[in-house]
Amino acid sequence: MKKYRGGAILLAVIVLLAFGSSIQAQTAERSKAVPAAPVYQVSKEVTLEGTVANVVTKPTAGMLIGAHAILATPTGDVDAHLGSYAMKGSNPLTLTPGERVQVVGVMETLAKGNKVFLVRTLQAGSHTYTIRNEHGALIMSSVKRVQGGQQ
């Protein structure tokens, strides 16, 4: 009986080691396949002005999940990421092609060299919408809408 118990324990250790290394390998493969989220650095914030060329609510491959406004600026088109909450909820942001806007945020480069502008605030007309906090985290409740730039 002692030989059987010792063999069973040895077998259990071998199985755990075999599965443990395959789990670790899968985790390593998964971390290589999924790019890390961009890090928002408030010290790199810039202000851009442009005209809404297009509003994308269903992003295509290579784009961050969530809504995007493609802005025509003097230096070219900019993919302005608005996140998953800005155009939803009780106080949604609405944009129309041709509308002039001003955005404050940080330009980041994603995998495969795609650039995206992470919008923190967006001003359209007399309204300012807060999309992200100063740490770059998306505001999950209804987008904070400030009339006339005053809080």
N, C-alpha and C. Protein backbone atom coordinates (compact mmCIF):
# COMPACT_ATOMS: atom_id res chain seq x y z
N MET A 1 0.81 -1.19 0.00
CA MET A 1 0.00 0.00 0.00
C MET A 1 0.86 1.26 0.00
N LYS A 2 2.00 1.22 0.70
CA LYS A 2 2.88 2.38 0.75
C LYS A 2 3.44 2.69 -0.63
N LYS A 3 3.80 1.66 -1.40
CA LYS A 3 4.33 1.89 -2.74
C LYS A 3 3.29 2.56 -3.62
N TYR A 4 2.03 2.17 -3.48
CA TYR A 4 0.95 2.73 -4.29
C TYR A 4 0.76 4.20 -3.97
N ARG A 5 0.75 4.56 -2.66
CA ARG A 5 0.59 5.95 -2.27
C ARG A 5 1.73 6.80 -2.78
N GLY A 6 2.94 6.34 -2.67
CA GLY A 6 4.11 7.08 -3.13
C GLY A 6 4.06 7.28 -4.64
N GLY A 7 3.64 6.24 -5.36
CA GLY A 7 3.51 6.34 -6.81
C GLY A 7 2.42 7.32 -7.21
N ALA A 8 1.32 7.32 -6.47
CA ALA A 8 0.22 8.24 -6.76
C ALA A 8 0.64 9.68 -6.52
N ILE A 9 1.38 9.91 -5.46
CA ILE A 9 1.86 11.27 -5.16
C ILE A 9 2.83 11.72 -6.25
N LEU A 10 3.74 10.84 -6.65
CA LEU A 10 4.69 11.16 -7.69
C LEU A 10 3.97 11.47 -9.00
N LEU A 11 2.97 10.66 -9.33
CA LEU A 11 2.18 10.88 -10.54
C LEU A 11 1.46 12.23 -10.47
N ALA A 12 0.89 12.57 -9.30
CA ALA A 12 0.18 13.84 -9.13
C ALA A 12 1.14 15.02 -9.31
N VAL A 13 2.35 14.92 -8.78
CA VAL A 13 3.35 15.98 -8.92
C VAL A 13 3.73 16.15 -10.39
N ILE A 14 3.93 15.06 -11.10
CA ILE A 14 4.28 15.12 -12.52
C ILE A 14 3.16 15.77 -13.33
N VAL A 15 1.92 15.39 -13.04
CA VAL A 15 0.77 15.97 -13.76
C VAL A 15 0.67 17.46 -13.48
N LEU A 16 0.84 17.86 -12.22
CA LEU A 16 0.77 19.29 -11.88
C LEU A 16 1.87 20.07 -12.58
N LEU A 17 3.06 19.53 -12.61
CA LEU A 17 4.16 20.22 -13.29
C LEU A 17 3.88 20.34 -14.79
N ALA A 18 3.36 19.29 -15.38
CA ALA A 18 3.07 19.32 -16.82
C ALA A 18 2.00 20.35 -17.13
N PHE A 19 0.91 20.35 -16.36
CA PHE A 19 -0.17 21.31 -16.61
C PHE A 19 0.26 22.72 -16.24
N GLY A 20 1.02 22.87 -15.18
CA GLY A 20 1.49 24.18 -14.76
C GLY A 20 2.31 24.87 -15.83
N SER A 21 3.19 24.12 -16.48
CA SER A 21 4.02 24.74 -17.52
C SER A 21 3.20 25.08 -18.75
N SER A 22 2.18 24.27 -19.06
CA SER A 22 1.34 24.60 -20.23
C SER A 22 0.47 25.81 -19.94
N ILE A 23 0.00 25.96 -18.70
CA ILE A 23 -0.79 27.14 -18.34
C ILE A 23 0.09 28.37 -18.42
N GLN A 24 1.32 28.27 -17.93
CA GLN A 24 2.24 29.40 -17.99
C GLN A 24 2.55 29.76 -19.44
N ALA A 25 2.71 28.77 -20.31
CA ALA A 25 2.99 29.03 -21.71
C ALA A 25 1.81 29.72 -22.38
N GLN A 26 0.57 29.30 -22.04
CA GLN A 26 -0.61 29.93 -22.61
C GLN A 26 -0.71 31.38 -22.16
N THR A 27 -0.42 31.65 -20.90
CA THR A 27 -0.46 33.01 -20.39
C THR A 27 0.57 33.87 -21.10
N ALA A 28 1.76 33.34 -21.32
CA ALA A 28 2.80 34.10 -22.02
C ALA A 28 2.39 34.38 -23.46
N GLU A 29 1.79 33.36 -24.13
CA GLU A 29 1.33 33.57 -25.50
C GLU A 29 0.23 34.61 -25.55
N ARG A 30 -0.71 34.56 -24.62
CA ARG A 30 -1.82 35.50 -24.59
C ARG A 30 -1.32 36.91 -24.35
N SER A 31 -0.34 37.09 -23.45
CA SER A 31 0.15 38.43 -23.17
C SER A 31 0.88 39.01 -24.38
N LYS A 32 1.46 38.17 -25.23
CA LYS A 32 2.11 38.65 -26.44
C LYS A 32 1.07 39.06 -27.48
N ALA A 33 -0.06 38.35 -27.52
CA ALA A 33 -1.07 38.59 -28.55
C ALA A 33 -1.91 39.83 -28.26
N VAL A 34 -2.14 40.16 -26.99
CA VAL A 34 -2.98 41.29 -26.63
C VAL A 34 -2.09 42.46 -26.24
N PRO A 35 -2.13 43.56 -27.02
CA PRO A 35 -1.26 44.70 -26.68
C PRO A 35 -1.72 45.35 -25.38
N ALA A 36 -0.78 45.90 -24.67
CA ALA A 36 -1.10 46.59 -23.43
C ALA A 36 -1.85 47.88 -23.76
N ALA A 37 -2.75 48.26 -22.87
CA ALA A 37 -3.50 49.49 -23.07
C ALA A 37 -2.55 50.67 -23.00
N PRO A 38 -2.80 51.69 -23.81
CA PRO A 38 -1.94 52.86 -23.77
C PRO A 38 -1.96 53.50 -22.38
N VAL A 39 -0.85 54.06 -21.97
CA VAL A 39 -0.75 54.73 -20.68
C VAL A 39 -0.97 56.22 -20.90
N TYR A 40 -1.92 56.79 -20.18
CA TYR A 40 -2.26 58.21 -20.33
C TYR A 40 -1.35 59.03 -19.44
N GLN A 41 -0.64 59.98 -20.06
CA GLN A 41 0.24 60.86 -19.30
C GLN A 41 -0.23 62.30 -19.49
N VAL A 42 -0.83 62.86 -18.45
CA VAL A 42 -1.40 64.20 -18.52
C VAL A 42 -0.34 65.24 -18.93
N SER A 43 0.92 64.98 -18.64
CA SER A 43 1.98 65.91 -19.02
C SER A 43 2.17 66.00 -20.53
N LYS A 44 1.62 65.03 -21.28
CA LYS A 44 1.73 65.03 -22.74
C LYS A 44 0.46 65.54 -23.43
N GLU A 45 -0.47 66.09 -22.67
CA GLU A 45 -1.72 66.55 -23.25
C GLU A 45 -1.51 67.69 -24.24
N VAL A 46 -2.29 67.65 -25.30
CA VAL A 46 -2.31 68.71 -26.30
C VAL A 46 -3.76 69.02 -26.64
N THR A 47 -3.97 70.16 -27.27
CA THR A 47 -5.29 70.57 -27.72
C THR A 47 -5.30 70.57 -29.23
N LEU A 48 -6.31 69.92 -29.80
CA LEU A 48 -6.48 69.89 -31.25
C LEU A 48 -7.83 70.49 -31.61
N GLU A 49 -7.88 71.16 -32.74
CA GLU A 49 -9.14 71.66 -33.27
C GLU A 49 -9.33 71.04 -34.64
N GLY A 50 -10.57 70.69 -34.94
CA GLY A 50 -10.84 70.09 -36.23
C GLY A 50 -12.32 70.00 -36.51
N THR A 51 -12.62 69.44 -37.66
CA THR A 51 -13.99 69.23 -38.10
C THR A 51 -14.27 67.74 -38.08
N VAL A 52 -15.43 67.37 -37.56
CA VAL A 52 -15.81 65.96 -37.53
C VAL A 52 -16.02 65.49 -38.97
N ALA A 53 -15.19 64.55 -39.40
CA ALA A 53 -15.32 63.99 -40.74
C ALA A 53 -16.23 62.76 -40.71
N ASN A 54 -16.16 62.01 -39.60
CA ASN A 54 -16.92 60.77 -39.49
C ASN A 54 -17.01 60.39 -38.02
N VAL A 55 -18.11 59.73 -37.67
CA VAL A 55 -18.27 59.18 -36.32
C VAL A 55 -18.36 57.67 -36.46
N VAL A 56 -17.49 56.95 -35.73
CA VAL A 56 -17.43 55.49 -35.81
C VAL A 56 -17.91 54.94 -34.47
N THR A 57 -19.04 54.22 -34.52
CA THR A 57 -19.54 53.61 -33.29
C THR A 57 -19.24 52.12 -33.23
N LYS A 58 -18.88 51.54 -34.37
CA LYS A 58 -18.49 50.13 -34.42
C LYS A 58 -17.08 50.07 -35.02
N PRO A 59 -16.06 50.09 -34.15
CA PRO A 59 -14.68 50.16 -34.65
C PRO A 59 -14.28 48.93 -35.47
N THR A 60 -13.38 49.15 -36.39
CA THR A 60 -12.87 48.08 -37.23
C THR A 60 -11.60 47.51 -36.61
N ALA A 61 -11.07 46.45 -37.21
CA ALA A 61 -9.85 45.81 -36.71
C ALA A 61 -8.74 46.84 -36.59
N GLY A 62 -8.00 46.78 -35.51
CA GLY A 62 -6.88 47.69 -35.28
C GLY A 62 -7.26 48.94 -34.51
N MET A 63 -8.57 49.16 -34.29
CA MET A 63 -9.03 50.33 -33.53
C MET A 63 -9.34 49.91 -32.10
N LEU A 64 -9.22 50.85 -31.19
CA LEU A 64 -9.63 50.59 -29.81
C LEU A 64 -11.14 50.41 -29.76
N ILE A 65 -11.60 49.61 -28.81
CA ILE A 65 -13.04 49.39 -28.62
C ILE A 65 -13.68 50.70 -28.17
N GLY A 66 -14.87 50.97 -28.67
CA GLY A 66 -15.60 52.17 -28.28
C GLY A 66 -15.79 53.10 -29.46
N ALA A 67 -16.40 54.24 -29.19
CA ALA A 67 -16.70 55.22 -30.24
C ALA A 67 -15.45 56.03 -30.59
N HIS A 68 -15.42 56.47 -31.84
CA HIS A 68 -14.32 57.28 -32.35
C HIS A 68 -14.91 58.42 -33.17
N ALA A 69 -14.25 59.57 -33.14
CA ALA A 69 -14.58 60.66 -34.05
C ALA A 69 -13.35 60.84 -34.93
N ILE A 70 -13.53 60.75 -36.22
CA ILE A 70 -12.42 61.01 -37.14
C ILE A 70 -12.46 62.51 -37.41
N LEU A 71 -11.40 63.18 -37.00
CA LEU A 71 -11.35 64.63 -37.11
C LEU A 71 -10.43 65.05 -38.25
N ALA A 72 -10.91 65.96 -39.08
CA ALA A 72 -10.08 66.57 -40.12
C ALA A 72 -9.42 67.78 -39.49
N THR A 73 -8.09 67.74 -39.43
CA THR A 73 -7.31 68.84 -38.86
C THR A 73 -6.39 69.39 -39.94
N PRO A 74 -5.79 70.55 -39.72
CA PRO A 74 -4.86 71.10 -40.73
C PRO A 74 -3.68 70.18 -41.04
N THR A 75 -3.32 69.28 -40.11
CA THR A 75 -2.19 68.39 -40.34
C THR A 75 -2.61 66.99 -40.78
N GLY A 76 -3.90 66.77 -41.01
CA GLY A 76 -4.40 65.46 -41.45
C GLY A 76 -5.47 64.92 -40.53
N ASP A 77 -6.02 63.78 -40.92
CA ASP A 77 -7.09 63.16 -40.13
C ASP A 77 -6.54 62.58 -38.84
N VAL A 78 -7.33 62.68 -37.77
CA VAL A 78 -6.97 62.18 -36.45
C VAL A 78 -8.09 61.27 -35.96
N ASP A 79 -7.73 60.07 -35.49
CA ASP A 79 -8.67 59.14 -34.88
C ASP A 79 -8.78 59.51 -33.40
N ALA A 80 -9.88 60.16 -33.03
CA ALA A 80 -10.09 60.61 -31.66
C ALA A 80 -10.96 59.58 -30.93
N HIS A 81 -10.37 58.87 -29.98
CA HIS A 81 -11.07 57.82 -29.25
C HIS A 81 -11.93 58.42 -28.15
N LEU A 82 -13.23 58.09 -28.18
CA LEU A 82 -14.18 58.61 -27.21
C LEU A 82 -14.60 57.57 -26.17
N GLY A 83 -14.17 56.33 -26.35
CA GLY A 83 -14.49 55.29 -25.38
C GLY A 83 -15.85 54.68 -25.58
N SER A 84 -16.21 53.83 -24.65
CA SER A 84 -17.45 53.04 -24.75
C SER A 84 -18.66 53.72 -24.12
N TYR A 85 -18.48 54.83 -23.42
CA TYR A 85 -19.58 55.42 -22.65
C TYR A 85 -20.04 56.78 -23.15
N ALA A 86 -19.23 57.50 -23.90
CA ALA A 86 -19.51 58.89 -24.27
C ALA A 86 -20.81 59.04 -25.05
N MET A 87 -21.14 58.08 -25.88
CA MET A 87 -22.32 58.22 -26.74
C MET A 87 -23.49 57.39 -26.23
N LYS A 88 -23.45 57.04 -24.93
CA LYS A 88 -24.51 56.25 -24.31
C LYS A 88 -24.98 56.94 -23.05
N GLY A 89 -26.02 56.41 -22.46
CA GLY A 89 -26.49 56.90 -21.17
C GLY A 89 -27.51 58.01 -21.29
N SER A 90 -27.76 58.69 -20.17
CA SER A 90 -28.81 59.71 -20.11
C SER A 90 -28.38 61.05 -20.70
N ASN A 91 -27.10 61.25 -20.87
CA ASN A 91 -26.60 62.52 -21.39
C ASN A 91 -25.54 62.25 -22.45
N PRO A 92 -25.92 61.58 -23.56
CA PRO A 92 -24.90 61.16 -24.53
C PRO A 92 -24.34 62.32 -25.35
N LEU A 93 -23.12 62.15 -25.73
CA LEU A 93 -22.45 63.07 -26.64
C LEU A 93 -22.99 62.79 -28.04
N THR A 94 -23.35 63.83 -28.76
CA THR A 94 -23.77 63.66 -30.15
C THR A 94 -22.89 64.54 -31.03
N LEU A 95 -22.38 63.95 -32.08
CA LEU A 95 -21.54 64.67 -33.04
C LEU A 95 -22.08 64.43 -34.44
N THR A 96 -21.94 65.43 -35.28
CA THR A 96 -22.37 65.28 -36.67
C THR A 96 -21.24 65.69 -37.59
N PRO A 97 -21.10 65.00 -38.72
CA PRO A 97 -20.07 65.39 -39.68
C PRO A 97 -20.20 66.87 -40.05
N GLY A 98 -19.06 67.54 -40.11
CA GLY A 98 -19.03 68.97 -40.42
C GLY A 98 -18.96 69.85 -39.19
N GLU A 99 -19.24 69.29 -38.02
CA GLU A 99 -19.23 70.05 -36.77
C GLU A 99 -17.79 70.35 -36.35
N ARG A 100 -17.53 71.59 -35.91
CA ARG A 100 -16.21 71.97 -35.40
C ARG A 100 -16.11 71.59 -33.93
N VAL A 101 -14.99 71.00 -33.55
CA VAL A 101 -14.77 70.60 -32.17
C VAL A 101 -13.35 70.93 -31.74
N GLN A 102 -13.18 70.98 -30.45
CA GLN A 102 -11.86 71.12 -29.85
C GLN A 102 -11.71 69.97 -28.86
N VAL A 103 -10.59 69.24 -28.95
CA VAL A 103 -10.36 68.11 -28.06
C VAL A 103 -9.04 68.30 -27.32
N VAL A 104 -9.03 67.84 -26.08
CA VAL A 104 -7.82 67.84 -25.26
C VAL A 104 -7.53 66.39 -24.94
N GLY A 105 -6.30 65.96 -25.13
CA GLY A 105 -5.95 64.58 -24.84
C GLY A 105 -4.51 64.28 -25.18
N VAL A 106 -4.23 63.00 -25.36
CA VAL A 106 -2.87 62.51 -25.60
C VAL A 106 -2.86 61.61 -26.83
N MET A 107 -1.90 61.85 -27.73
CA MET A 107 -1.73 61.00 -28.90
C MET A 107 -0.88 59.80 -28.50
N GLU A 108 -1.36 58.60 -28.84
CA GLU A 108 -0.64 57.36 -28.53
C GLU A 108 -0.51 56.51 -29.79
N THR A 109 0.53 55.68 -29.82
CA THR A 109 0.73 54.76 -30.93
C THR A 109 0.38 53.36 -30.44
N LEU A 110 -0.53 52.71 -31.16
CA LEU A 110 -0.95 51.36 -30.83
C LEU A 110 -0.09 50.36 -31.59
N ALA A 111 -0.43 49.08 -31.44
CA ALA A 111 0.25 48.02 -32.18
C ALA A 111 0.15 48.31 -33.67
N LYS A 112 1.10 47.86 -34.41
CA LYS A 112 1.16 48.03 -35.86
C LYS A 112 1.25 49.49 -36.27
N GLY A 113 1.64 50.38 -35.35
CA GLY A 113 1.87 51.78 -35.69
C GLY A 113 0.64 52.64 -35.81
N ASN A 114 -0.56 52.10 -35.52
CA ASN A 114 -1.77 52.92 -35.59
C ASN A 114 -1.73 53.98 -34.50
N LYS A 115 -2.06 55.22 -34.87
CA LYS A 115 -2.09 56.30 -33.89
C LYS A 115 -3.53 56.59 -33.51
N VAL A 116 -3.73 56.90 -32.23
CA VAL A 116 -5.05 57.24 -31.72
C VAL A 116 -4.89 58.37 -30.72
N PHE A 117 -5.83 59.31 -30.78
CA PHE A 117 -5.85 60.43 -29.85
C PHE A 117 -6.83 60.09 -28.73
N LEU A 118 -6.33 59.92 -27.51
CA LEU A 118 -7.16 59.58 -26.36
C LEU A 118 -7.77 60.87 -25.82
N VAL A 119 -9.03 61.09 -26.10
CA VAL A 119 -9.71 62.33 -25.74
C VAL A 119 -10.03 62.35 -24.25
N ARG A 120 -9.62 63.43 -23.58
CA ARG A 120 -10.02 63.63 -22.18
C ARG A 120 -11.22 64.55 -22.11
N THR A 121 -11.19 65.66 -22.86
CA THR A 121 -12.35 66.54 -22.94
C THR A 121 -12.61 66.89 -24.39
N LEU A 122 -13.87 67.13 -24.70
CA LEU A 122 -14.28 67.52 -26.05
C LEU A 122 -15.23 68.70 -25.91
N GLN A 123 -14.93 69.76 -26.66
CA GLN A 123 -15.81 70.92 -26.67
C GLN A 123 -16.48 71.01 -28.03
N ALA A 124 -17.81 71.03 -28.01
CA ALA A 124 -18.60 71.18 -29.23
C ALA A 124 -19.62 72.27 -28.96
N GLY A 125 -19.53 73.35 -29.70
CA GLY A 125 -20.41 74.49 -29.44
C GLY A 125 -20.14 75.05 -28.07
N SER A 126 -21.20 75.24 -27.28
CA SER A 126 -21.03 75.81 -25.94
C SER A 126 -20.93 74.73 -24.87
N HIS A 127 -20.82 73.47 -25.28
CA HIS A 127 -20.77 72.37 -24.32
C HIS A 127 -19.38 71.73 -24.27
N THR A 128 -18.93 71.41 -23.07
CA THR A 128 -17.69 70.67 -22.88
C THR A 128 -18.04 69.33 -22.25
N TYR A 129 -17.56 68.26 -22.87
CA TYR A 129 -17.82 66.90 -22.40
C TYR A 129 -16.53 66.33 -21.82
N THR A 130 -16.60 65.78 -20.62
CA THR A 130 -15.45 65.12 -20.01
C THR A 130 -15.56 63.63 -20.28
N ILE A 131 -14.60 63.10 -21.04
CA ILE A 131 -14.61 61.70 -21.46
C ILE A 131 -13.77 60.83 -20.52
N ARG A 132 -12.62 61.37 -20.11
CA ARG A 132 -11.68 60.66 -19.23
C ARG A 132 -11.32 61.56 -18.06
N ASN A 133 -10.87 60.94 -16.98
CA ASN A 133 -10.34 61.74 -15.88
C ASN A 133 -8.88 62.08 -16.16
N GLU A 134 -8.23 62.78 -15.27
CA GLU A 134 -6.84 63.22 -15.48
C GLU A 134 -5.84 62.07 -15.52
N HIS A 135 -6.27 60.87 -15.16
CA HIS A 135 -5.41 59.69 -15.23
C HIS A 135 -5.67 58.89 -16.50
N GLY A 136 -6.63 59.35 -17.31
CA GLY A 136 -6.94 58.68 -18.57
C GLY A 136 -8.01 57.62 -18.47
N ALA A 137 -8.56 57.40 -17.28
CA ALA A 137 -9.61 56.40 -17.12
C ALA A 137 -10.92 56.94 -17.68
N LEU A 138 -11.60 56.11 -18.47
CA LEU A 138 -12.88 56.52 -19.04
C LEU A 138 -13.89 56.72 -17.93
N ILE A 139 -14.70 57.76 -18.06
CA ILE A 139 -15.76 58.01 -17.10
C ILE A 139 -16.92 57.10 -17.48
N MET A 140 -17.28 56.21 -16.57
CA MET A 140 -18.22 55.14 -16.89
C MET A 140 -19.67 55.57 -16.83
N SER A 141 -20.00 56.54 -16.01
CA SER A 141 -21.38 56.98 -15.97
C SER A 141 -21.61 57.92 -17.15
N SER A 142 -22.75 58.53 -17.20
CA SER A 142 -23.02 59.47 -18.28
C SER A 142 -21.89 60.48 -18.36
N VAL A 143 -21.54 60.85 -19.57
CA VAL A 143 -20.46 61.81 -19.77
C VAL A 143 -20.84 63.12 -19.10
N LYS A 144 -19.90 63.69 -18.40
CA LYS A 144 -20.16 64.96 -17.72
C LYS A 144 -20.24 66.06 -18.75
N ARG A 145 -21.37 66.73 -18.79
CA ARG A 145 -21.60 67.78 -19.78
C ARG A 145 -21.63 69.11 -19.04
N VAL A 146 -20.78 70.03 -19.45
CA VAL A 146 -20.70 71.34 -18.81
C VAL A 146 -21.11 72.38 -19.83
N GLN A 147 -22.10 73.18 -19.50
CA GLN A 147 -22.58 74.22 -20.41
C GLN A 147 -21.66 75.43 -20.34
N GLY A 148 -21.28 75.94 -21.49
CA GLY A 148 -20.49 77.16 -21.55
C GLY A 148 -19.11 77.07 -20.93
N GLY A 149 -18.62 75.85 -20.75
CA GLY A 149 -17.27 75.69 -20.19
C GLY A 149 -17.19 75.91 -18.70
N GLN A 150 -18.29 76.22 -18.01
CA GLN A 150 -18.30 76.44 -16.56
C GLN A 150 -18.76 75.18 -15.85
N GLN A 151 -18.15 74.90 -14.71
CA GLN A 151 -18.58 73.73 -13.94
C GLN A 151 -19.43 74.12 -12.78
